[in-house]
């Protein structure tokens, strides 16, 4: 199997899509779920319109990038535009529980032993 370089698109096109911006909004990580709050309106940038269509149901940022065939950074810039205008909402995944809040190991062993005895 031959590995090919990843095609990140024509740099001129990406520059145009982002309006020359290169800094992505930190509000979005790869697993942030994005949901459209409205339908695309006439005159909306095509990439923004496509995102609004894709996100009728909660969709992860990484899935949006894959569908649009655009780099994650570019997608995060576009999502920042839509979030700033209230056209999308972002749902961040819940943070993992701290180790201190997990059940005691001894208790889990007792439960396991009890289940095996059933």
N, C-alpha and C. Protein backbone atom coordinates (compact mmCIF):
# COMPACT_ATOMS: atom_id res chain seq x y z
N UNK A 1 0.84 -1.17 0.00
CA UNK A 1 0.00 0.00 0.00
C UNK A 1 0.89 1.24 0.00
N UNK A 2 0.63 2.16 -0.88
CA UNK A 2 1.41 3.37 -1.00
C UNK A 2 0.71 4.49 -0.24
N UNK A 3 1.47 5.20 0.59
CA UNK A 3 0.90 6.32 1.33
C UNK A 3 1.01 7.58 0.48
N UNK A 4 -0.09 8.28 0.37
CA UNK A 4 -0.11 9.53 -0.37
C UNK A 4 -0.21 10.68 0.63
N UNK A 5 0.35 11.83 0.29
CA UNK A 5 0.22 12.98 1.20
C UNK A 5 -1.23 13.42 1.28
N UNK A 6 -1.60 13.95 2.42
CA UNK A 6 -2.97 14.44 2.61
C UNK A 6 -3.15 15.71 1.81
N UNK A 7 -4.23 15.77 1.04
CA UNK A 7 -4.53 16.97 0.26
C UNK A 7 -5.33 17.91 1.14
N UNK A 8 -4.75 19.04 1.51
CA UNK A 8 -5.44 20.00 2.36
C UNK A 8 -6.11 21.10 1.56
N UNK A 9 -6.14 20.97 0.27
CA UNK A 9 -6.82 21.95 -0.56
C UNK A 9 -5.86 23.01 -1.08
N UNK A 10 -6.33 23.76 -2.03
CA UNK A 10 -5.56 24.84 -2.63
C UNK A 10 -5.41 25.97 -1.61
N UNK A 11 -4.17 26.38 -1.31
CA UNK A 11 -3.98 27.44 -0.30
C UNK A 11 -4.73 28.73 -0.62
N UNK A 12 -4.83 29.08 -1.90
CA UNK A 12 -5.56 30.29 -2.27
C UNK A 12 -7.03 30.17 -1.92
N UNK A 13 -7.60 29.00 -2.16
CA UNK A 13 -9.00 28.77 -1.84
C UNK A 13 -9.22 28.85 -0.34
N UNK A 14 -8.35 28.22 0.44
CA UNK A 14 -8.49 28.23 1.89
C UNK A 14 -8.37 29.65 2.43
N UNK A 15 -7.48 30.44 1.85
CA UNK A 15 -7.31 31.84 2.24
C UNK A 15 -8.61 32.60 1.99
N UNK A 16 -9.23 32.34 0.87
CA UNK A 16 -10.48 33.01 0.52
C UNK A 16 -11.62 32.58 1.43
N UNK A 17 -11.70 31.28 1.70
CA UNK A 17 -12.78 30.73 2.54
C UNK A 17 -12.74 31.35 3.93
N UNK A 18 -11.55 31.53 4.48
CA UNK A 18 -11.43 32.05 5.85
C UNK A 18 -11.29 33.56 5.90
N UNK A 19 -11.29 34.21 4.76
CA UNK A 19 -11.12 35.66 4.74
C UNK A 19 -9.73 36.08 5.17
N UNK A 20 -8.75 35.21 4.95
CA UNK A 20 -7.38 35.52 5.29
C UNK A 20 -7.00 35.25 6.73
N UNK A 21 -7.95 34.75 7.52
CA UNK A 21 -7.67 34.48 8.93
C UNK A 21 -7.00 33.12 9.09
N UNK A 22 -6.10 33.03 10.05
CA UNK A 22 -5.41 31.76 10.28
C UNK A 22 -5.57 31.27 11.72
N UNK A 23 -6.16 32.06 12.58
CA UNK A 23 -6.36 31.68 13.98
C UNK A 23 -7.76 31.13 14.16
N UNK A 24 -7.82 29.90 14.65
CA UNK A 24 -9.11 29.26 14.87
C UNK A 24 -9.62 29.59 16.27
N UNK A 25 -10.92 29.54 16.42
CA UNK A 25 -11.57 29.75 17.71
C UNK A 25 -11.28 28.55 18.61
N UNK A 26 -10.81 28.80 19.82
CA UNK A 26 -10.49 27.72 20.75
C UNK A 26 -11.74 27.09 21.37
N UNK A 27 -12.91 27.60 21.03
CA UNK A 27 -14.15 27.08 21.60
C UNK A 27 -14.49 25.69 21.05
N UNK A 28 -13.82 25.27 20.00
CA UNK A 28 -14.16 24.01 19.35
C UNK A 28 -13.00 23.03 19.40
N UNK A 29 -13.25 21.84 19.95
CA UNK A 29 -12.27 20.78 19.81
C UNK A 29 -12.86 19.74 18.86
N UNK A 30 -12.16 18.66 18.63
CA UNK A 30 -12.59 17.70 17.62
C UNK A 30 -13.94 17.05 17.90
N UNK A 31 -14.29 16.89 19.17
CA UNK A 31 -15.52 16.17 19.51
C UNK A 31 -16.66 17.08 19.95
N UNK A 32 -16.47 18.40 19.85
CA UNK A 32 -17.56 19.32 20.17
C UNK A 32 -18.71 19.07 19.20
N UNK A 33 -19.91 18.98 19.75
CA UNK A 33 -21.09 18.78 18.92
C UNK A 33 -21.68 20.13 18.53
N UNK A 34 -21.99 20.27 17.26
CA UNK A 34 -22.50 21.52 16.71
C UNK A 34 -23.92 21.28 16.20
N UNK A 35 -24.82 22.24 16.51
CA UNK A 35 -26.21 22.14 16.08
C UNK A 35 -26.62 23.46 15.44
N UNK A 36 -27.26 23.38 14.27
CA UNK A 36 -27.76 24.57 13.58
C UNK A 36 -28.93 25.15 14.33
N UNK A 37 -29.00 26.47 14.37
CA UNK A 37 -30.12 27.16 14.99
C UNK A 37 -31.02 27.82 13.94
N UNK A 38 -30.62 27.76 12.67
CA UNK A 38 -31.41 28.36 11.61
C UNK A 38 -31.05 27.71 10.28
N UNK A 39 -31.82 28.04 9.28
CA UNK A 39 -31.56 27.58 7.92
C UNK A 39 -30.62 28.58 7.23
N UNK A 40 -29.87 28.12 6.23
CA UNK A 40 -29.04 29.07 5.47
C UNK A 40 -29.92 30.10 4.76
N UNK A 41 -29.44 31.31 4.68
CA UNK A 41 -30.18 32.37 4.01
C UNK A 41 -29.50 32.69 2.68
N UNK A 42 -30.23 33.27 1.74
CA UNK A 42 -29.59 33.65 0.47
C UNK A 42 -28.43 34.59 0.72
N UNK A 43 -27.33 34.35 0.02
CA UNK A 43 -26.15 35.18 0.17
C UNK A 43 -25.16 34.66 1.19
N UNK A 44 -25.52 33.58 1.88
CA UNK A 44 -24.61 32.98 2.86
C UNK A 44 -23.46 32.31 2.12
N UNK A 45 -22.26 32.45 2.67
CA UNK A 45 -21.09 31.79 2.09
C UNK A 45 -21.39 30.29 1.97
N UNK A 46 -21.00 29.67 0.87
CA UNK A 46 -21.37 28.28 0.60
C UNK A 46 -20.91 27.32 1.69
N UNK A 47 -19.73 27.53 2.25
CA UNK A 47 -19.24 26.64 3.31
C UNK A 47 -20.07 26.80 4.58
N UNK A 48 -20.47 28.04 4.89
CA UNK A 48 -21.34 28.27 6.04
C UNK A 48 -22.70 27.60 5.83
N UNK A 49 -23.23 27.73 4.63
CA UNK A 49 -24.52 27.11 4.31
C UNK A 49 -24.44 25.59 4.44
N UNK A 50 -23.37 25.02 3.97
CA UNK A 50 -23.19 23.55 4.05
C UNK A 50 -23.10 23.11 5.51
N UNK A 51 -22.40 23.87 6.34
CA UNK A 51 -22.31 23.54 7.76
C UNK A 51 -23.69 23.58 8.40
N UNK A 52 -24.47 24.60 8.10
CA UNK A 52 -25.81 24.71 8.66
C UNK A 52 -26.69 23.54 8.24
N UNK A 53 -26.53 23.07 7.01
CA UNK A 53 -27.29 21.92 6.53
C UNK A 53 -26.84 20.64 7.22
N UNK A 54 -25.52 20.47 7.38
CA UNK A 54 -24.97 19.26 8.01
C UNK A 54 -25.36 19.15 9.48
N UNK A 55 -25.51 20.28 10.12
CA UNK A 55 -25.70 20.29 11.58
C UNK A 55 -27.15 20.41 12.01
N UNK A 56 -28.06 19.96 11.18
CA UNK A 56 -29.46 19.94 11.61
C UNK A 56 -29.62 19.04 12.82
N UNK A 57 -28.77 18.03 12.89
CA UNK A 57 -28.69 17.14 14.05
C UNK A 57 -27.28 17.31 14.61
N UNK A 58 -27.09 17.07 15.90
CA UNK A 58 -25.75 17.27 16.48
C UNK A 58 -24.67 16.53 15.69
N UNK A 59 -23.64 17.26 15.31
CA UNK A 59 -22.55 16.72 14.50
C UNK A 59 -21.22 17.17 15.08
N UNK A 60 -20.28 16.25 15.21
CA UNK A 60 -18.96 16.57 15.75
C UNK A 60 -18.14 17.38 14.74
N UNK A 61 -17.27 18.23 15.26
CA UNK A 61 -16.43 19.08 14.42
C UNK A 61 -15.62 18.24 13.44
N UNK A 62 -15.09 17.12 13.90
CA UNK A 62 -14.28 16.27 13.03
C UNK A 62 -15.12 15.71 11.87
N UNK A 63 -16.40 15.42 12.12
CA UNK A 63 -17.29 14.94 11.05
C UNK A 63 -17.57 16.04 10.03
N UNK A 64 -17.73 17.26 10.52
CA UNK A 64 -17.97 18.40 9.61
C UNK A 64 -16.77 18.59 8.69
N UNK A 65 -15.57 18.54 9.27
CA UNK A 65 -14.35 18.70 8.47
C UNK A 65 -14.24 17.60 7.42
N UNK A 66 -14.59 16.38 7.80
CA UNK A 66 -14.52 15.27 6.86
C UNK A 66 -15.53 15.46 5.72
N UNK A 67 -16.74 15.87 6.04
CA UNK A 67 -17.76 16.09 5.01
C UNK A 67 -17.38 17.21 4.05
N UNK A 68 -16.84 18.29 4.61
CA UNK A 68 -16.47 19.44 3.77
C UNK A 68 -15.14 19.25 3.07
N UNK A 69 -14.39 18.22 3.50
CA UNK A 69 -13.05 17.97 2.96
C UNK A 69 -12.16 19.21 3.13
N UNK A 70 -12.23 19.78 4.34
CA UNK A 70 -11.43 20.94 4.70
C UNK A 70 -10.62 20.64 5.95
N UNK A 71 -9.48 21.29 6.12
CA UNK A 71 -8.69 21.10 7.35
C UNK A 71 -9.48 21.55 8.58
N UNK A 72 -9.20 20.91 9.71
CA UNK A 72 -9.88 21.21 10.97
C UNK A 72 -9.78 22.70 11.31
N UNK A 73 -8.61 23.29 11.12
CA UNK A 73 -8.42 24.70 11.47
C UNK A 73 -9.36 25.60 10.69
N UNK A 74 -9.52 25.32 9.41
CA UNK A 74 -10.43 26.11 8.58
C UNK A 74 -11.87 25.94 9.05
N UNK A 75 -12.26 24.72 9.37
CA UNK A 75 -13.62 24.46 9.86
C UNK A 75 -13.85 25.18 11.18
N UNK A 76 -12.86 25.17 12.06
CA UNK A 76 -13.01 25.87 13.35
C UNK A 76 -13.17 27.38 13.15
N UNK A 77 -12.51 27.95 12.16
CA UNK A 77 -12.68 29.37 11.85
C UNK A 77 -14.10 29.63 11.37
N UNK A 78 -14.58 28.79 10.47
CA UNK A 78 -15.95 28.95 9.96
C UNK A 78 -16.98 28.78 11.05
N UNK A 79 -16.77 27.80 11.95
CA UNK A 79 -17.69 27.59 13.06
C UNK A 79 -17.69 28.78 14.01
N UNK A 80 -16.53 29.39 14.20
CA UNK A 80 -16.45 30.59 15.03
C UNK A 80 -17.30 31.72 14.47
N UNK A 81 -17.30 31.86 13.15
CA UNK A 81 -18.15 32.87 12.49
C UNK A 81 -19.62 32.61 12.79
N UNK A 82 -20.02 31.36 12.62
CA UNK A 82 -21.43 31.00 12.82
C UNK A 82 -21.84 31.12 14.28
N UNK A 83 -20.95 30.77 15.19
CA UNK A 83 -21.24 30.88 16.62
C UNK A 83 -21.40 32.34 17.03
N UNK A 84 -20.54 33.20 16.49
CA UNK A 84 -20.59 34.63 16.82
C UNK A 84 -21.90 35.28 16.36
N UNK A 85 -22.49 34.76 15.30
CA UNK A 85 -23.76 35.32 14.80
C UNK A 85 -24.97 34.57 15.33
N UNK A 86 -24.76 33.59 16.20
CA UNK A 86 -25.87 32.87 16.80
C UNK A 86 -26.55 31.87 15.89
N UNK A 87 -25.89 31.49 14.81
CA UNK A 87 -26.51 30.56 13.86
C UNK A 87 -26.30 29.10 14.25
N UNK A 88 -25.36 28.84 15.16
CA UNK A 88 -25.14 27.49 15.68
C UNK A 88 -24.97 27.56 17.19
N UNK A 89 -25.14 26.41 17.82
CA UNK A 89 -24.76 26.26 19.22
C UNK A 89 -23.76 25.12 19.30
N UNK A 90 -22.88 25.21 20.28
CA UNK A 90 -21.85 24.19 20.46
C UNK A 90 -22.07 23.51 21.81
N UNK A 91 -22.02 22.20 21.79
CA UNK A 91 -22.15 21.41 23.02
C UNK A 91 -20.84 20.70 23.25
N UNK A 92 -20.16 21.10 24.31
CA UNK A 92 -18.87 20.51 24.62
C UNK A 92 -19.08 19.21 25.39
N UNK A 93 -18.24 18.22 25.14
CA UNK A 93 -18.38 16.97 25.88
C UNK A 93 -18.13 17.21 27.36
N UNK A 94 -18.79 16.40 28.17
CA UNK A 94 -18.60 16.53 29.61
C UNK A 94 -17.19 16.12 29.97
N UNK A 95 -16.63 16.83 30.92
CA UNK A 95 -15.29 16.49 31.39
C UNK A 95 -15.32 15.16 32.13
N UNK A 96 -14.22 14.44 32.03
CA UNK A 96 -14.12 13.16 32.72
C UNK A 96 -14.16 13.38 34.22
N UNK A 97 -14.72 12.41 34.91
CA UNK A 97 -14.79 12.51 36.35
C UNK A 97 -13.40 12.40 36.95
N UNK A 98 -13.22 13.03 38.07
CA UNK A 98 -11.93 12.91 38.74
C UNK A 98 -11.83 11.53 39.38
N UNK A 99 -10.63 11.07 39.59
CA UNK A 99 -10.41 9.75 40.18
C UNK A 99 -11.02 9.69 41.58
N UNK A 100 -11.03 10.81 42.28
CA UNK A 100 -11.56 10.84 43.65
C UNK A 100 -13.07 10.56 43.68
N UNK A 101 -13.78 10.89 42.61
CA UNK A 101 -15.23 10.69 42.61
C UNK A 101 -15.65 9.30 42.12
N UNK A 102 -14.69 8.48 41.71
CA UNK A 102 -15.01 7.12 41.27
C UNK A 102 -15.23 6.22 42.47
N UNK A 103 -16.02 5.15 42.33
CA UNK A 103 -16.26 4.24 43.44
C UNK A 103 -14.96 3.60 43.93
N UNK A 104 -14.96 3.23 45.20
CA UNK A 104 -13.80 2.60 45.82
C UNK A 104 -13.54 1.25 45.16
N UNK A 105 -12.27 0.90 44.96
CA UNK A 105 -11.89 -0.36 44.31
C UNK A 105 -12.37 -1.55 45.12
N UNK A 106 -12.30 -1.46 46.44
CA UNK A 106 -12.73 -2.57 47.30
C UNK A 106 -14.23 -2.83 47.12
N UNK A 107 -15.02 -1.77 47.01
CA UNK A 107 -16.46 -1.92 46.80
C UNK A 107 -16.73 -2.60 45.46
N UNK A 108 -16.02 -2.19 44.41
CA UNK A 108 -16.21 -2.81 43.10
C UNK A 108 -15.84 -4.29 43.13
N UNK A 109 -14.80 -4.65 43.86
CA UNK A 109 -14.42 -6.07 43.98
C UNK A 109 -15.50 -6.86 44.69
N UNK A 110 -16.11 -6.28 45.74
CA UNK A 110 -17.19 -6.97 46.45
C UNK A 110 -18.39 -7.18 45.54
N UNK A 111 -18.73 -6.17 44.74
CA UNK A 111 -19.85 -6.30 43.80
C UNK A 111 -19.56 -7.39 42.78
N UNK A 112 -18.34 -7.41 42.24
CA UNK A 112 -17.96 -8.43 41.28
C UNK A 112 -18.03 -9.82 41.90
N UNK A 113 -17.54 -9.96 43.12
CA UNK A 113 -17.60 -11.25 43.81
C UNK A 113 -19.04 -11.68 44.02
N UNK A 114 -19.89 -10.74 44.41
CA UNK A 114 -21.32 -11.06 44.60
C UNK A 114 -21.98 -11.49 43.29
N UNK A 115 -21.64 -10.84 42.20
CA UNK A 115 -22.22 -11.20 40.90
C UNK A 115 -21.77 -12.59 40.46
N UNK A 116 -20.53 -12.91 40.73
CA UNK A 116 -20.04 -14.24 40.37
C UNK A 116 -20.71 -15.32 41.18
N UNK A 117 -21.13 -15.02 42.40
CA UNK A 117 -21.79 -16.00 43.27
C UNK A 117 -23.24 -16.22 42.89
N UNK A 118 -23.79 -15.40 42.05
CA UNK A 118 -25.23 -15.54 41.65
C UNK A 118 -25.46 -16.76 40.82
